[in-house]
Amino acid sequence: MTEVHSLSADATLRPHGETDLGAKVASRICHDLANPLGAIANGLELLLMTGLEPTPELSLLQDSVASASARIRWFRLAFGPAGPQRVGRAEVTDILRAISRGTRLSYDWTVQGDAPRGEVKAVFLLLQCLEAALPLGGRLTISRSDDAWQVTAHSSRLRFDPSLWASLTSPEVPSPDTPAQVQFALLPQALAELGRALQVEAGTDQIRARF
């Protein structure tokens, strides 16, 4: 493993108020989308209860709704306000299990018990950063020792972009401004609010990140 960079918690960041407003908007959008998705899921279940024969088309609809619901729950944790609440292990593993169904990604959440919402928010943003380096899929392992978190991405083929990851580890490097890479812009802010520093090591078949 070769160490890449270390991010200091006092990096230059956006004003807290702007970030907090964006998080509230994200949470509101997720909340408003969750209700109609839940209604669709309930409607499909009622159709099956009436004796309608299951078909590949219905199964596809059910899987799509479940995936979208899991993605919204993920977004609510990753992009919503951190807050003082704690997040239970059951909720996290349920989201990860649902979101990985039918994909080439798998998640191994080894953390026992619940965790502060702000820390889970940072982990979910970090997971999204690591997913960008796994074009052919892979396995992501999340662990915590005392107060330190470690997330490791394993894959036979990695796409590690040093210039992209430098935005996490160097305040002088501007954050990406594309929607697909918004997690790279938000993770430094989440870590700064926790008073944490990020360390990243990249090798031929795995990337290890700690904070």
Foldseek 3Di string as FASTA:
>chain_A
DAWQFKAALPFDADDPVVLQVQQAVLLVVLVVVLVVLVVVLVVLVVCVVVVDDDDPVSVVVNLVSLLVNLVSVLSNLQRHDQDFDKDFPVNVVSSQVSNCVPHQEHEAEPEHTIGRSLVVNLVSLVVLVQVVFCPPYFYWYWDDDPHKIKIKTFAQGTDDDSLQCVLQRPSVRPHDDDPSRVSSRCNSVSQSVVSHMKIWDDDNTMIMIMD
